[in-house]
């Protein structure tokens, strides 16, 4: 099911993985942040808020100052 999730909550729950993504792939994050078209939803596990796919998109959303991000939530 596609839902709008809090970027900040996802950041808190996945901080270590997102810090590694941002440090290693900052150019990809900047490209996502500059996109004018909507990126596909990220994939998230409902109970743990673990990001299965979409680390770069969450980093880009935070860089842009987005409050929410579209997510395909499983579980």
Protein backbone atom coordinates (compact mmCIF):
# COMPACT_ATOMS: atom_id res chain seq x y z
CA UNK A 1 0.00 0.00 0.00
CA UNK A 2 1.35 3.45 -0.95
CA UNK A 3 1.47 5.88 1.99
CA UNK A 4 3.07 9.21 2.87
CA UNK A 5 5.69 8.67 5.60
CA UNK A 6 7.65 11.17 7.65
CA UNK A 7 11.13 11.76 6.27
CA UNK A 8 12.38 12.59 9.78
CA UNK A 9 11.01 9.35 11.27
CA UNK A 10 12.65 7.33 8.50
CA UNK A 11 15.90 9.23 9.09
CA UNK A 12 15.83 8.45 12.82
CA UNK A 13 15.02 4.75 12.31
CA UNK A 14 17.63 4.26 9.54
CA UNK A 15 20.29 6.79 10.55
CA UNK A 16 23.35 4.59 10.17
CA UNK A 17 22.45 3.27 6.71
CA UNK A 18 21.43 6.73 5.50
CA UNK A 19 24.64 8.32 6.80
CA UNK A 20 26.64 5.69 4.88
CA UNK A 21 24.56 6.31 1.73
CA UNK A 22 25.03 10.06 1.98
CA UNK A 23 28.78 9.78 2.58
CA UNK A 24 29.39 7.31 -0.25
CA UNK A 25 26.94 8.45 -2.92
CA UNK A 26 26.41 12.17 -2.39
CA UNK A 27 26.36 12.86 -6.15
CA UNK A 28 23.45 10.43 -6.66
CA UNK A 29 21.62 12.04 -3.73
CA UNK A 30 22.12 15.50 -5.28
CA UNK A 31 20.76 14.23 -8.62
CA UNK A 32 17.65 12.87 -6.94
CA UNK A 33 17.21 16.14 -5.03
CA UNK A 34 17.35 18.11 -8.29
CA UNK A 35 14.79 15.95 -10.13
CA UNK A 36 11.71 17.78 -11.35
CA UNK A 37 9.72 14.56 -11.87
CA UNK A 38 8.44 12.43 -9.02
CA UNK A 39 10.68 9.50 -8.07
CA UNK A 40 9.15 6.07 -7.50
CA UNK A 41 7.97 5.29 -3.95
CA UNK A 42 10.52 3.87 -1.56
CA UNK A 43 9.93 0.43 -0.02
CA UNK A 44 9.51 0.23 3.76
CA UNK A 45 8.71 -2.53 6.29
CA UNK A 46 5.75 -1.30 8.34
CA UNK A 47 6.71 -2.39 11.85
CA UNK A 48 10.42 -1.60 11.84
CA UNK A 49 10.41 1.25 9.29
CA UNK A 50 13.40 -0.51 7.68
CA UNK A 51 14.02 0.91 4.20
CA UNK A 52 14.30 -1.98 1.74
CA UNK A 53 14.77 0.28 -1.29
CA UNK A 54 15.11 4.04 -1.47
CA UNK A 55 17.97 5.19 0.74
CA UNK A 56 19.13 7.75 -1.86
CA UNK A 57 15.57 9.09 -2.25
CA UNK A 58 15.16 9.55 1.51
CA UNK A 59 18.49 11.41 1.68
CA UNK A 60 17.39 13.60 -1.26
CA UNK A 61 14.02 14.31 0.36
CA UNK A 62 15.75 15.39 3.56
CA UNK A 63 18.19 17.56 1.60
CA UNK A 64 15.23 19.31 -0.09
CA UNK A 65 13.48 19.75 3.26
CA UNK A 66 10.53 17.52 2.36
CA UNK A 67 8.35 16.57 5.32
CA UNK A 68 7.01 13.34 3.79
CA UNK A 69 7.94 10.81 1.13
CA UNK A 70 5.80 8.31 -0.78
CA UNK A 71 6.41 4.76 0.35
CA UNK A 72 5.20 1.30 -0.58
CA UNK A 73 4.68 -0.07 2.94
CA UNK A 74 4.76 -3.86 3.40
CA UNK A 75 3.72 -5.96 6.35
